[in-house]
Amino acid sequence: MASTYSSSLKLTLIGDGEQAGTWGSTTNNNWNLIEDAVTGVDGISLTGLTSYTLTNFNGTTDEARNMALLFTGTPASTVTVTAPLQNKLYIIKNATNQTINMAAAGGAVSLSIPSGVTAQCYCDAANESGSGTGFYSAQTGSAGNFTVNGNLSVSGNQTSSGNFLAAGVLGAYTAAAFTGGISNGSGAAGTILNVSAVSSGTIFIGQRVTGSGVTAGTIVTGFGTGTGSTGTYTVNTSQLVGAGTSLTGAASAIASTPAAGDNSVNIATTAFVQSAVGTIGTMASQNANAVAITGGSIAGVAISGATIASSTIGGLTLGTNGTGTKTISTSTPTGGLDGDIWYQVT
């Protein structure tokens, strides 16, 4: 019976009665190949390439059998690395300046590994996942506590279903300086922010944008083709700002302004008054169940045309708390600085 080879690691399977007197050499070679699969580390340069196929040989050393693959160099663009469609675990280090797409020959699913990232992934050759054969991440969660001793970078969204505790300093985005314009994409006023260059910082949802010709209070409300750097974004106010304008993004996000009738307790660290979003109405029409009045009572009274600048309500002294001026008025909000709060009543 002739020797054959295993499907995944390509080890020599000696046939009955074969290799008399030499089988020991074949067996030792198999053990060396198994060692590659468990501890092997191979470096591969991708300079100038857009695709690369891992070598895959029967009974001898190759690239695909190694446990860890270190990709280096400067590919021409995003590069696709193709491995054999066989069940196997890999550690992939992308030390190039481009994204690597790990794919399996004939597989349906690939896995993108960004520049500078080391990832654990596996090839599912039998569609055990039910989502198609190919490459999947082996790092989609933690069964227990997860401790980060260095820096944590999140390029997507972070969702927390429990408490988030920081024992040290919790950092946020820094201010961004970039070049771009705002239009409808066809030369007229619109809400598309098109960023052509970013000289520093990161663009993020909730960021206030300023610059020559930019409407005060302009906020980034969504991603288009951009996710922090060059590309398109959506802003909250329709306007026309010419391409090539120098723009600045504030370092902190802007908290949402509650709508009329919203009785929830939402605290904003800063608030910028640009335009009214609704009216509060009279005291008689509001839900005042949670209002405690000390030293007197209010019944059937509507506040109109008044400014409270130095009174105390529930221990909060309006106008003297270091967060700006608080104004109650029937007038439409005008002017204002970061931290000012204007209550428009009828």
Protein backbone atom coordinates (compact mmCIF):
# COMPACT_ATOMS: atom_id res chain seq x y z
CA MET A 1 0.00 0.00 0.00
CA ALA A 2 1.48 3.34 -1.09
CA SER A 3 2.16 6.14 1.39
CA THR A 4 -0.34 9.02 1.48
CA TYR A 5 -0.45 12.41 3.20
CA SER A 6 -2.70 13.87 5.88
CA SER A 7 -5.12 16.53 4.66
CA SER A 8 -4.31 19.33 7.10
CA LEU A 9 -0.61 19.17 8.02
CA LYS A 10 0.48 17.11 4.97
CA LEU A 11 2.26 14.52 7.12
CA THR A 12 3.43 11.28 5.50
CA LEU A 13 1.14 8.35 6.29
CA ILE A 14 3.25 5.23 5.73
CA GLY A 15 1.43 2.41 3.95
CA ASP A 16 1.36 -1.13 5.32
CA GLY A 17 4.65 -2.91 4.68
CA GLU A 18 6.33 0.18 3.25
CA GLN A 19 9.65 1.85 4.07
CA ALA A 20 11.23 -1.16 5.79
CA GLY A 21 14.43 0.07 7.33
CA THR A 22 13.69 3.74 6.50
CA TRP A 23 10.41 4.38 8.27
CA GLY A 24 12.26 5.91 11.23
CA SER A 25 13.52 8.79 9.07
CA THR A 26 10.02 9.47 7.74
CA THR A 27 8.55 9.39 11.23
CA ASN A 28 11.17 11.79 12.57
CA ASN A 29 10.41 14.14 9.68
CA ASN A 30 6.72 13.99 10.56
CA TRP A 31 7.54 14.99 14.12
CA ASN A 32 9.53 17.97 12.84
CA LEU A 33 6.56 19.05 10.72
CA ILE A 34 4.24 18.70 13.71
CA GLU A 35 6.65 20.91 15.64
CA ASP A 36 6.32 23.55 12.89
CA ALA A 37 2.54 23.43 13.23
CA VAL A 38 2.74 23.94 17.00
CA THR A 39 5.75 26.27 17.40
CA GLY A 40 6.76 27.35 13.90
CA VAL A 41 7.31 31.04 13.14
CA ASP A 42 7.86 32.20 9.55
CA GLY A 43 8.52 35.69 8.19
CA ILE A 44 7.14 36.68 4.78
CA SER A 45 7.72 39.97 2.91
CA LEU A 46 4.77 41.39 0.97
CA THR A 47 6.58 44.38 -0.57
CA GLY A 48 4.96 45.52 -3.81
CA LEU A 49 2.30 42.80 -3.73
CA THR A 50 -1.51 42.79 -3.70
CA SER A 51 -1.85 39.01 -3.29
CA TYR A 52 0.20 36.15 -1.91
CA THR A 53 -0.41 32.37 -1.71
CA LEU A 54 1.20 30.43 1.13
CA THR A 55 3.31 27.45 0.07
CA ASN A 56 1.70 24.11 0.93
CA PHE A 57 3.77 20.95 0.36
CA ASN A 58 3.35 17.25 1.14
CA GLY A 59 5.79 15.85 3.67
CA THR A 60 8.23 18.76 3.72
CA THR A 61 8.53 22.24 5.21
CA ASP A 62 6.26 25.00 3.88
CA GLU A 63 4.71 28.32 4.98
CA ALA A 64 1.10 27.27 5.56
CA ARG A 65 1.98 24.71 8.21
CA ASN A 66 3.56 27.24 10.63
CA MET A 67 1.67 28.40 13.70
CA ALA A 68 2.77 32.06 13.47
CA LEU A 69 3.21 34.10 10.30
CA LEU A 70 4.91 37.52 10.45
CA PHE A 71 4.13 39.64 7.41
CA THR A 72 6.45 42.56 6.69
CA GLY A 73 7.23 45.02 3.89
CA THR A 74 5.26 47.65 1.99
CA PRO A 75 2.49 46.11 -0.15
CA ALA A 76 1.12 48.13 -3.09
CA SER A 77 -2.33 48.21 -1.43
CA THR A 78 -4.53 45.94 0.66
CA VAL A 79 -3.11 42.47 0.15
CA THR A 80 -4.93 39.12 0.12
CA VAL A 81 -3.02 36.21 1.64
CA THR A 82 -4.44 32.84 0.60
CA ALA A 83 -3.97 29.72 2.74
CA PRO A 84 -5.09 26.16 1.93
CA LEU A 85 -8.71 25.37 2.83
CA GLN A 86 -7.82 23.16 5.80
CA ASN A 87 -8.76 23.39 9.46
CA LYS A 88 -5.93 25.21 11.23
CA LEU A 89 -5.22 27.83 13.89
CA TYR A 90 -2.92 30.74 13.01
CA ILE A 91 -1.29 33.70 14.74
CA ILE A 92 -0.91 36.50 12.19
CA LYS A 93 1.24 39.58 12.76
CA ASN A 94 0.64 42.34 10.22
CA ALA A 95 3.80 44.44 10.37
CA THR A 96 3.11 45.98 6.95
CA ASN A 97 1.61 49.40 6.21
CA GLN A 98 -1.53 47.90 4.63
CA THR A 99 -4.51 45.77 5.65
CA ILE A 100 -4.12 42.01 5.13
CA ASN A 101 -7.13 39.92 4.12
CA MET A 102 -6.69 36.31 5.20
CA ALA A 103 -8.53 34.02 2.79
CA ALA A 104 -8.71 30.29 2.10
CA ALA A 105 -8.47 28.81 -1.40
CA GLY A 106 -12.07 28.22 -2.44
CA GLY A 107 -13.39 29.61 0.84
CA ALA A 108 -16.30 32.03 1.17
CA VAL A 109 -15.24 34.09 4.21
CA SER A 110 -12.12 36.22 4.65
CA LEU A 111 -10.78 38.10 7.66
CA SER A 112 -9.25 41.60 7.55
CA ILE A 113 -6.27 42.26 9.83
CA PRO A 114 -5.36 45.98 10.03
CA SER A 115 -1.82 47.28 9.81
CA GLY A 116 0.09 46.92 13.07
CA VAL A 117 -2.24 44.28 14.53
CA THR A 118 -1.38 40.78 15.74
CA ALA A 119 -4.42 38.49 15.53
CA GLN A 120 -5.38 34.93 16.34
CA CYS A 121 -7.57 33.37 13.66
CA TYR A 122 -8.56 30.00 12.31
CA CYS A 123 -9.54 28.42 9.02
CA ASP A 124 -12.87 26.59 9.08
CA ALA A 125 -12.71 24.13 6.19
CA ALA A 126 -15.88 22.20 7.00
CA ASN A 127 -18.25 25.15 7.59
CA GLU A 128 -18.66 24.20 11.23
CA SER A 129 -19.64 27.82 11.88
CA GLY A 130 -22.56 27.61 9.48
CA SER A 131 -21.52 30.94 7.96
CA GLY A 132 -19.31 29.56 5.20
CA THR A 133 -15.84 28.09 4.89
CA GLY A 134 -12.87 30.40 5.34
CA PHE A 135 -11.16 32.52 8.00
CA TYR A 136 -12.63 33.68 11.31
CA SER A 137 -11.30 35.62 14.28
CA ALA A 138 -10.44 33.61 17.39
CA GLN A 139 -10.59 36.75 19.56
CA THR A 140 -14.22 37.85 19.67
CA GLY A 141 -14.65 37.98 23.44
CA SER A 142 -13.44 37.09 26.92
CA ALA A 143 -15.02 34.43 29.12
CA GLY A 144 -13.78 36.15 32.27
CA ASN A 145 -12.02 39.33 33.33
CA PHE A 146 -9.94 41.08 30.71
CA THR A 147 -7.08 43.29 31.83
CA VAL A 148 -5.26 45.75 29.60
CA ASN A 149 -1.86 46.75 30.97
CA GLY A 150 -0.96 48.91 27.99
CA ASN A 151 -3.00 51.18 25.72
CA LEU A 152 -6.43 50.17 24.41
CA SER A 153 -7.41 51.44 20.96
CA VAL A 154 -10.95 50.99 19.63
CA SER A 155 -11.45 51.67 15.93
CA GLY A 156 -15.13 50.70 15.96
CA ASN A 157 -17.93 51.23 18.48
CA GLN A 158 -17.60 50.32 22.17
CA THR A 159 -20.72 48.91 23.84
CA SER A 160 -20.79 48.35 27.60
CA SER A 161 -23.60 46.39 29.25
CA GLY A 162 -22.17 46.87 32.73
CA ASN A 163 -20.05 49.32 34.67
CA PHE A 164 -16.92 50.86 33.19
CA LEU A 165 -14.25 51.57 35.77
CA ALA A 166 -10.96 53.40 35.26
CA ALA A 167 -8.31 53.17 37.97
CA GLY A 168 -6.14 55.75 36.23
CA VAL A 169 -6.74 58.52 33.75
CA LEU A 170 -9.50 57.89 31.22
CA GLY A 171 -8.48 59.56 27.99
CA ALA A 172 -10.67 60.87 25.20
CA TYR A 173 -10.14 62.07 21.66
CA THR A 174 -7.88 65.03 21.11
CA ALA A 175 -8.75 68.04 18.98
CA ALA A 176 -8.47 67.50 15.23
CA ALA A 177 -7.09 69.80 12.54
CA PHE A 178 -8.15 68.94 9.02
CA THR A 179 -8.93 70.30 5.55
CA GLY A 180 -12.26 69.91 3.81
CA GLY A 181 -15.60 71.42 2.85
CA ILE A 182 -19.33 71.03 3.50
CA SER A 183 -21.93 70.75 0.73
CA ASN A 184 -24.52 68.43 -0.75
CA GLY A 185 -21.80 66.79 -2.85
CA SER A 186 -22.80 68.71 -5.97
CA GLY A 187 -21.67 72.24 -5.17
CA ALA A 188 -24.73 73.41 -3.25
CA ALA A 189 -25.48 73.68 0.46
CA GLY A 190 -25.82 70.36 2.23
CA THR A 191 -24.77 68.27 5.21
CA ILE A 192 -21.85 66.30 3.73
CA LEU A 193 -18.47 67.08 5.31
CA ASN A 194 -15.78 65.97 2.86
CA VAL A 195 -12.35 65.75 4.52
CA SER A 196 -9.41 65.68 2.13
CA ALA A 197 -6.56 65.76 4.67
CA VAL A 198 -6.07 65.40 8.43
CA SER A 199 -2.98 66.99 9.93
CA SER A 200 -3.64 65.94 13.54
CA GLY A 201 -6.20 64.31 15.81
CA THR A 202 -9.28 62.21 15.06
CA ILE A 203 -12.70 63.09 13.68
CA PHE A 204 -15.56 61.49 15.64
CA ILE A 205 -19.34 61.57 15.99
CA GLY A 206 -20.45 64.36 18.35
CA GLN A 207 -17.45 66.56 17.54
CA ARG A 208 -18.06 70.30 17.07
CA VAL A 209 -16.54 71.68 13.86
CA THR A 210 -15.36 75.27 13.45
CA GLY A 211 -13.64 77.20 10.71
CA SER A 212 -14.08 80.02 8.23
CA GLY A 213 -17.65 80.05 6.92
CA VAL A 214 -18.80 77.17 9.14
CA THR A 215 -22.18 77.70 10.82
CA ALA A 216 -21.83 78.00 14.60
CA GLY A 217 -22.88 74.82 16.37
CA THR A 218 -22.00 72.48 13.50
CA ILE A 219 -21.68 68.92 14.84
CA VAL A 220 -20.51 65.68 13.20
CA THR A 221 -23.53 63.35 13.39
CA GLY A 222 -22.45 60.32 11.37
CA PHE A 223 -19.77 58.51 9.38
CA GLY A 224 -19.85 58.26 5.59
CA THR A 225 -16.71 56.89 3.99
CA GLY A 226 -14.58 58.39 6.78
CA THR A 227 -14.13 56.82 10.20
CA GLY A 228 -11.78 59.26 11.88
CA SER A 229 -9.52 60.42 9.08
CA THR A 230 -10.08 61.41 5.43
CA GLY A 231 -13.44 60.67 3.85
CA THR A 232 -17.02 61.91 4.17
CA TYR A 233 -19.11 62.60 7.27
CA THR A 234 -22.61 63.94 8.01
CA VAL A 235 -23.12 67.17 9.96
CA ASN A 236 -26.27 68.51 11.60
CA THR A 237 -26.63 71.81 9.71
CA SER A 238 -27.00 72.34 5.96
CA GLN A 239 -24.44 74.85 4.65
CA LEU A 240 -21.90 75.49 1.92
CA VAL A 241 -18.23 75.63 2.91
CA GLY A 242 -15.70 75.52 0.11
CA ALA A 243 -13.35 72.56 -0.31
CA GLY A 244 -9.87 73.17 1.02
CA THR A 245 -11.05 75.14 4.07
CA SER A 246 -8.98 74.74 7.23
CA LEU A 247 -11.25 73.24 9.88
CA THR A 248 -10.93 72.33 13.55
CA GLY A 249 -12.73 69.62 15.50
CA ALA A 250 -13.17 70.12 19.25
CA ALA A 251 -11.58 67.63 21.63
CA SER A 252 -14.79 66.60 23.41
CA ALA A 253 -18.18 65.44 22.21
CA ILE A 254 -21.32 67.56 22.59
CA ALA A 255 -24.08 66.10 24.76
CA SER A 256 -27.51 65.85 23.14
CA THR A 257 -29.98 68.64 24.00
CA PRO A 258 -33.18 67.23 25.57
CA ALA A 259 -36.32 67.70 23.49
CA ALA A 260 -39.48 69.42 24.78
CA GLY A 261 -41.33 67.15 27.19
CA ASP A 262 -38.23 65.09 28.05
CA ASN A 263 -38.30 64.52 31.83
CA SER A 264 -35.22 62.29 31.93
CA VAL A 265 -32.17 63.25 33.94
CA ASN A 266 -29.33 63.87 31.49
CA ILE A 267 -26.27 65.81 32.52
CA ALA A 268 -24.09 67.62 30.02
CA THR A 269 -20.65 68.80 31.05
CA THR A 270 -20.97 71.72 28.63
CA ALA A 271 -23.79 73.12 26.55
CA PHE A 272 -23.56 75.55 23.66
CA VAL A 273 -26.63 77.72 22.95
CA GLN A 274 -27.29 78.14 19.25
CA SER A 275 -31.01 77.68 18.68
CA ALA A 276 -34.10 76.66 20.62
CA VAL A 277 -35.31 73.09 20.17
CA GLY A 278 -38.68 73.66 21.82
CA THR A 279 -40.40 75.45 24.68
CA ILE A 280 -40.76 74.45 28.30
CA GLY A 281 -44.26 75.88 28.77
CA THR A 282 -45.79 76.97 32.09
CA MET A 283 -45.32 75.24 35.42
CA ALA A 284 -48.92 74.02 35.28
CA SER A 285 -48.19 71.95 32.16
CA GLN A 286 -44.97 70.36 33.40
CA ASN A 287 -44.36 67.17 35.35
CA ALA A 288 -43.28 68.67 38.68
CA ASN A 289 -43.68 65.52 40.79
CA ALA A 290 -39.96 65.45 41.55
CA VAL A 291 -39.61 69.18 42.28
CA ALA A 292 -38.94 70.11 45.91
CA ILE A 293 -39.53 73.77 46.82
CA THR A 294 -37.87 74.97 50.01
CA GLY A 295 -39.10 78.07 51.83
CA GLY A 296 -42.28 78.61 49.87
CA SER A 297 -44.56 77.19 47.19
CA ILE A 298 -45.52 77.82 43.57
CA ALA A 299 -49.09 77.27 42.46
CA GLY A 300 -50.64 78.29 39.17
CA VAL A 301 -47.76 80.60 38.31
CA ALA A 302 -46.17 80.90 34.87
CA ILE A 303 -42.63 82.30 34.67
CA SER A 304 -42.42 84.83 31.88
CA GLY A 305 -39.72 87.25 30.81
CA ALA A 306 -37.57 86.68 33.90
CA THR A 307 -33.84 86.12 34.34
CA ILE A 308 -32.61 84.25 37.41
CA ALA A 309 -28.92 84.85 37.96
CA SER A 310 -28.27 84.48 41.69
CA SER A 311 -31.02 82.31 43.24
CA THR A 312 -30.56 78.87 44.72
CA ILE A 313 -32.68 75.89 43.62
CA GLY A 314 -32.07 72.58 45.39
CA GLY A 315 -28.59 73.65 46.43
CA LEU A 316 -27.59 74.81 42.93
CA THR A 317 -26.83 78.53 42.77
CA LEU A 318 -27.63 79.68 39.27
CA GLY A 319 -24.90 81.69 37.59
CA THR A 320 -22.24 80.95 40.22
CA ASN A 321 -21.30 77.31 39.68
CA GLY A 322 -18.39 77.77 37.31
CA THR A 323 -20.24 76.34 34.33
CA GLY A 324 -21.51 79.53 32.72
CA THR A 325 -24.63 81.69 32.89
CA LYS A 326 -28.12 80.22 33.36
CA THR A 327 -30.94 82.28 31.90
CA ILE A 328 -34.74 81.83 32.02
CA SER A 329 -36.48 83.96 29.41
CA THR A 330 -39.26 84.02 26.85
CA SER A 331 -36.75 85.26 24.27
CA THR A 332 -35.13 83.04 21.65
CA PRO A 333 -31.64 81.92 22.81
CA THR A 334 -28.87 84.09 21.37
CA GLY A 335 -25.11 84.22 21.71
CA GLY A 336 -23.70 82.21 24.56
CA LEU A 337 -20.47 80.45 25.40
CA ASP A 338 -19.57 76.86 26.25
CA GLY A 339 -21.28 76.08 29.55
CA ASP A 340 -24.15 78.60 29.18
CA ILE A 341 -27.68 77.21 29.56
CA TRP A 342 -30.75 79.14 28.37
CA TYR A 343 -34.26 78.01 29.34
CA GLN A 344 -36.91 79.43 27.01
CA VAL A 345 -40.35 79.52 28.64
CA THR A 346 -43.82 80.64 27.54
